[in-house]
């Protein structure tokens, strides 16, 4: 739908599973100027992914899990934000360690609206700077 109905897209960002989706989208769109993820719902191991009941089976997870396909997003400017009390912090740190994002911010906060609203201006500034060519 994103490709077909929204026309040219230059950036993507998402929160939690939306972060998963933004990273998955970037695999098909190497021309993106920025991808920002907040508290990305990524899973290093199949048992963790299976517990969320969002994948059809292990192969479906393996085919789509961004942490398993980071080479496919090399060159796309990436920003990662996550709170220190977020249960998905391990995944954000794995993403940051492996993908070497342009920006990583690990600050106090949980996997909740309060944290997301606090860092959203930073994420939008990151994306906006890259869209405008100033970042």
C-alpha atoms as a PDB file:
ATOM      1  CA  UNK A   1       0.000   0.000   0.000  1.00  0.00           C
ATOM      2  CA  UNK A   2       2.754   2.503   0.878  1.00  0.00           C
ATOM      3  CA  UNK A   3       4.383   2.170  -2.523  1.00  0.00           C
ATOM      4  CA  UNK A   4       1.187   2.000  -4.551  1.00  0.00           C
ATOM      5  CA  UNK A   5      -1.115   4.487  -2.864  1.00  0.00           C
ATOM      6  CA  UNK A   6       1.059   7.169  -1.291  1.00  0.00           C
ATOM      7  CA  UNK A   7       3.315   7.882  -4.240  1.00  0.00           C
ATOM      8  CA  UNK A   8       6.922   8.941  -3.803  1.00  0.00           C
ATOM      9  CA  UNK A   9       8.067   8.472  -0.227  1.00  0.00           C
ATOM     10  CA  UNK A  10      11.411   9.878   0.860  1.00  0.00           C
ATOM     11  CA  UNK A  11      11.500   8.879   4.526  1.00  0.00           C
ATOM     12  CA  UNK A  12       9.917   6.526   7.012  1.00  0.00           C
ATOM     13  CA  UNK A  13       9.642   6.342  10.767  1.00  0.00           C
ATOM     14  CA  UNK A  14       7.759   4.178  13.163  1.00  0.00           C
ATOM     15  CA  UNK A  15       7.214   3.309  16.795  1.00  0.00           C
ATOM     16  CA  UNK A  16       7.432  -0.264  18.122  1.00  0.00           C
ATOM     17  CA  UNK A  17       6.058  -2.575  15.387  1.00  0.00           C
ATOM     18  CA  UNK A  18       5.893   0.534  13.193  1.00  0.00           C
ATOM     19  CA  UNK A  19       9.678   0.688  13.563  1.00  0.00           C
ATOM     20  CA  UNK A  20       9.839  -2.906  12.362  1.00  0.00           C
ATOM     21  CA  UNK A  21       7.706  -1.861   9.388  1.00  0.00           C
ATOM     22  CA  UNK A  22       9.828   1.193   8.586  1.00  0.00           C
ATOM     23  CA  UNK A  23      12.967  -0.944   8.560  1.00  0.00           C
ATOM     24  CA  UNK A  24      11.253  -3.613   6.458  1.00  0.00           C
ATOM     25  CA  UNK A  25      10.098  -0.908   4.016  1.00  0.00           C
ATOM     26  CA  UNK A  26      13.658   0.426   3.753  1.00  0.00           C
ATOM     27  CA  UNK A  27      14.818  -2.957   2.418  1.00  0.00           C
ATOM     28  CA  UNK A  28      12.785  -2.292  -0.722  1.00  0.00           C
ATOM     29  CA  UNK A  29      13.513   1.445  -0.892  1.00  0.00           C
ATOM     30  CA  UNK A  30      17.228   2.128  -0.870  1.00  0.00           C
ATOM     31  CA  UNK A  31      16.466   5.672  -2.086  1.00  0.00           C
ATOM     32  CA  UNK A  32      14.990   6.739   1.256  1.00  0.00           C
ATOM     33  CA  UNK A  33      16.669   9.806   2.697  1.00  0.00           C
ATOM     34  CA  UNK A  34      15.986   8.763   6.302  1.00  0.00           C
ATOM     35  CA  UNK A  35      14.517   6.084   8.520  1.00  0.00           C
ATOM     36  CA  UNK A  36      13.796   6.787  12.176  1.00  0.00           C
ATOM     37  CA  UNK A  37      12.689   4.161  14.660  1.00  0.00           C
ATOM     38  CA  UNK A  38      11.508   4.567  18.237  1.00  0.00           C
ATOM     39  CA  UNK A  39      11.434   1.528  20.537  1.00  0.00           C
ATOM     40  CA  UNK A  40      11.699  -0.809  17.546  1.00  0.00           C
ATOM     41  CA  UNK A  41       9.973  -4.163  18.025  1.00  0.00           C
ATOM     42  CA  UNK A  42      12.755  -6.390  16.722  1.00  0.00           C
ATOM     43  CA  UNK A  43      13.525  -9.924  17.758  1.00  0.00           C
ATOM     44  CA  UNK A  44      16.955 -11.522  17.803  1.00  0.00           C
ATOM     45  CA  UNK A  45      15.550 -14.990  18.447  1.00  0.00           C
ATOM     46  CA  UNK A  46      12.594 -16.926  17.098  1.00  0.00           C
ATOM     47  CA  UNK A  47      11.157 -17.788  20.555  1.00  0.00           C
ATOM     48  CA  UNK A  48      10.888 -14.057  21.323  1.00  0.00           C
ATOM     49  CA  UNK A  49       9.250 -13.344  17.970  1.00  0.00           C
ATOM     50  CA  UNK A  50       6.887 -16.308  18.283  1.00  0.00           C
ATOM     51  CA  UNK A  51       5.642 -15.073  21.670  1.00  0.00           C
ATOM     52  CA  UNK A  52       4.197 -11.945  20.003  1.00  0.00           C
ATOM     53  CA  UNK A  53       1.894 -13.939  17.678  1.00  0.00           C
ATOM     54  CA  UNK A  54       2.476 -11.688  14.666  1.00  0.00           C
ATOM     55  CA  UNK A  55       4.378 -14.080  12.392  1.00  0.00           C
ATOM     56  CA  UNK A  56       2.906 -17.010  10.508  1.00  0.00           C
ATOM     57  CA  UNK A  57       5.883 -19.219  11.317  1.00  0.00           C
ATOM     58  CA  UNK A  58       9.643 -19.125  11.806  1.00  0.00           C
ATOM     59  CA  UNK A  59      10.344 -18.743   8.075  1.00  0.00           C
ATOM     60  CA  UNK A  60       8.001 -15.752   7.883  1.00  0.00           C
ATOM     61  CA  UNK A  61       9.909 -14.140  10.759  1.00  0.00           C
ATOM     62  CA  UNK A  62      13.316 -14.984   9.229  1.00  0.00           C
ATOM     63  CA  UNK A  63      12.268 -13.502   5.885  1.00  0.00           C
ATOM     64  CA  UNK A  64      11.091 -10.239   7.455  1.00  0.00           C
ATOM     65  CA  UNK A  65      13.070  -9.602  10.646  1.00  0.00           C
ATOM     66  CA  UNK A  66      15.123  -6.427  10.053  1.00  0.00           C
ATOM     67  CA  UNK A  67      17.982  -7.585  12.291  1.00  0.00           C
ATOM     68  CA  UNK A  68      18.513 -10.502   9.901  1.00  0.00           C
ATOM     69  CA  UNK A  69      18.675  -8.233   6.821  1.00  0.00           C
ATOM     70  CA  UNK A  70      20.707  -5.194   7.834  1.00  0.00           C
ATOM     71  CA  UNK A  71      22.987  -5.364   4.809  1.00  0.00           C
ATOM     72  CA  UNK A  72      19.912  -4.591   2.714  1.00  0.00           C
ATOM     73  CA  UNK A  73      19.502  -1.162   4.344  1.00  0.00           C
ATOM     74  CA  UNK A  74      23.153  -0.120   4.266  1.00  0.00           C
ATOM     75  CA  UNK A  75      23.472   3.439   3.061  1.00  0.00           C
ATOM     76  CA  UNK A  76      20.021   4.534   4.249  1.00  0.00           C
ATOM     77  CA  UNK A  77      20.464   7.145   7.015  1.00  0.00           C
ATOM     78  CA  UNK A  78      19.069   5.571  10.167  1.00  0.00           C
ATOM     79  CA  UNK A  79      18.174   6.988  13.565  1.00  0.00           C
ATOM     80  CA  UNK A  80      17.354   4.805  16.584  1.00  0.00           C
ATOM     81  CA  UNK A  81      15.689   5.961  19.821  1.00  0.00           C
ATOM     82  CA  UNK A  82      14.845   3.792  22.805  1.00  0.00           C
ATOM     83  CA  UNK A  83      14.239   4.182  26.516  1.00  0.00           C
ATOM     84  CA  UNK A  84      16.444   2.582  29.134  1.00  0.00           C
ATOM     85  CA  UNK A  85      13.409   0.962  30.776  1.00  0.00           C
ATOM     86  CA  UNK A  86      11.970  -0.343  27.502  1.00  0.00           C
ATOM     87  CA  UNK A  87      11.734  -4.161  27.367  1.00  0.00           C
ATOM     88  CA  UNK A  88      12.877  -3.919  23.737  1.00  0.00           C
ATOM     89  CA  UNK A  89      16.077  -2.053  24.637  1.00  0.00           C
ATOM     90  CA  UNK A  90      18.130  -5.177  23.840  1.00  0.00           C
ATOM     91  CA  UNK A  91      16.792  -5.083  20.272  1.00  0.00           C
ATOM     92  CA  UNK A  92      17.475  -1.358  19.863  1.00  0.00           C
ATOM     93  CA  UNK A  93      21.028  -1.884  21.100  1.00  0.00           C
ATOM     94  CA  UNK A  94      21.475  -4.804  18.701  1.00  0.00           C
ATOM     95  CA  UNK A  95      20.234  -2.632  15.843  1.00  0.00           C
ATOM     96  CA  UNK A  96      22.514   0.241  16.830  1.00  0.00           C
ATOM     97  CA  UNK A  97      25.522  -2.045  17.231  1.00  0.00           C
ATOM     98  CA  UNK A  98      25.065  -3.832  13.940  1.00  0.00           C
ATOM     99  CA  UNK A  99      23.659  -1.121  11.658  1.00  0.00           C
ATOM    100  CA  UNK A 100      25.780   1.774  12.954  1.00  0.00           C
ATOM    101  CA  UNK A 101      23.017   4.358  12.617  1.00  0.00           C
ATOM    102  CA  UNK A 102      23.679   8.003  11.893  1.00  0.00           C
ATOM    103  CA  UNK A 103      22.060   8.783  15.238  1.00  0.00           C
ATOM    104  CA  UNK A 104      21.347   6.689  18.330  1.00  0.00           C
ATOM    105  CA  UNK A 105      19.679   8.022  21.470  1.00  0.00           C
ATOM    106  CA  UNK A 106      19.235   5.769  24.477  1.00  0.00           C
ATOM    107  CA  UNK A 107      17.672   7.860  27.240  1.00  0.00           C
ATOM    108  CA  UNK A 108      15.468   7.343  30.262  1.00  0.00           C
ATOM    109  CA  UNK A 109      12.004   6.099  29.445  1.00  0.00           C
ATOM    110  CA  UNK A 110       9.783   3.095  28.926  1.00  0.00           C
ATOM    111  CA  UNK A 111       7.802   1.557  26.069  1.00  0.00           C
ATOM    112  CA  UNK A 112       4.999   4.074  26.433  1.00  0.00           C
ATOM    113  CA  UNK A 113       3.433   7.242  25.062  1.00  0.00           C
ATOM    114  CA  UNK A 114       5.260   9.491  27.512  1.00  0.00           C
ATOM    115  CA  UNK A 115       8.648   8.411  26.169  1.00  0.00           C
ATOM    116  CA  UNK A 116       7.559   8.398  22.548  1.00  0.00           C
ATOM    117  CA  UNK A 117       6.080  11.900  22.729  1.00  0.00           C
ATOM    118  CA  UNK A 118       9.223  13.189  24.434  1.00  0.00           C
ATOM    119  CA  UNK A 119      11.583  11.939  21.697  1.00  0.00           C
ATOM    120  CA  UNK A 120       9.299  12.488  18.717  1.00  0.00           C
ATOM    121  CA  UNK A 121      10.607  16.041  18.096  1.00  0.00           C
ATOM    122  CA  UNK A 122      14.162  14.635  17.877  1.00  0.00           C
ATOM    123  CA  UNK A 123      13.055  11.965  15.416  1.00  0.00           C
ATOM    124  CA  UNK A 124      11.222  14.489  13.264  1.00  0.00           C
ATOM    125  CA  UNK A 125      14.251  16.808  13.343  1.00  0.00           C
ATOM    126  CA  UNK A 126      16.477  13.897  12.249  1.00  0.00           C
ATOM    127  CA  UNK A 127      14.154  13.001   9.373  1.00  0.00           C
ATOM    128  CA  UNK A 128      13.529  16.629   8.418  1.00  0.00           C
ATOM    129  CA  UNK A 129      17.225  17.487   8.282  1.00  0.00           C
ATOM    130  CA  UNK A 130      17.850  14.635   5.892  1.00  0.00           C
ATOM    131  CA  UNK A 131      14.853  15.483   3.736  1.00  0.00           C
ATOM    132  CA  UNK A 132      15.991  19.097   3.482  1.00  0.00           C
ATOM    133  CA  UNK A 133      19.612  18.164   2.837  1.00  0.00           C
ATOM    134  CA  UNK A 134      20.852  19.890   5.987  1.00  0.00           C
ATOM    135  CA  UNK A 135      21.566  16.713   7.963  1.00  0.00           C
END
